[in-house]
Amino acid sequence: MAEEIDLHKASTLSPYIGQDFLTWLWYKTETQSGLFGLENGEQVAVHMEQRMAVQGGEGETRDTAISSGPQSELTEARLGLRTGKKVTQARLRIEQDDTVWSFQVKAEDLSISSLKTPKVDMRLEEGEDPDARFLEKMFLIDKALTVLDELFTVFISLRFSETWPQERAAIRAWIRG
């Protein structure tokens, strides 16, 4: 079993670890069809979609490029990566079977916002526990966070391994390509 990593503590390792994570995740979603295996043996598909921000420079010379839109191919963000910008924000879509989650992730602290879980049927059947819908919603939120935690754990293990230089070279080639 992989060591559990607290996302917020790990993001303080380097101000750039979140940017590296989101860049690596984007690379992996495009080079392995977005498929990731989870610790419990299940698979999820992860996609970057609709909104991504990349940023370069500091202070007054800071430059940000944002790709957004329902049919966005993230063109501006891709161009930004090629010019040395770093991913600062990304919208993720996670799919498992017919279940879909989407949310925005910020690189600076790996915080999430705009979390959309699969729809929960709010109609109560006779004799059904009134807390069941709430608990189902909480389960779906927890599942999204667990998937993000596992993806970050895979990344951080790789990032501090001997194979990181090869992975970084592959990411750079992907960016140039």
Foldseek 3Di string as FASTA:
>chain_A
DFDFDDLQVVLVVDQCLLLVLVLLQQVCCVPVVQWDAFPVRFIKRKHWDFWWKWWDDDDPPIDIWMFGDHPTPCVRVLVCVLVPTTTQKTWMWMDGDHWIWIWMAGSRRRDTDPIDGPDFDQDDDPPDDNCVSVVVVVVRVVVVVSVVSRSSSVVVVCCPDPCVVVSVVVSNVVSVD
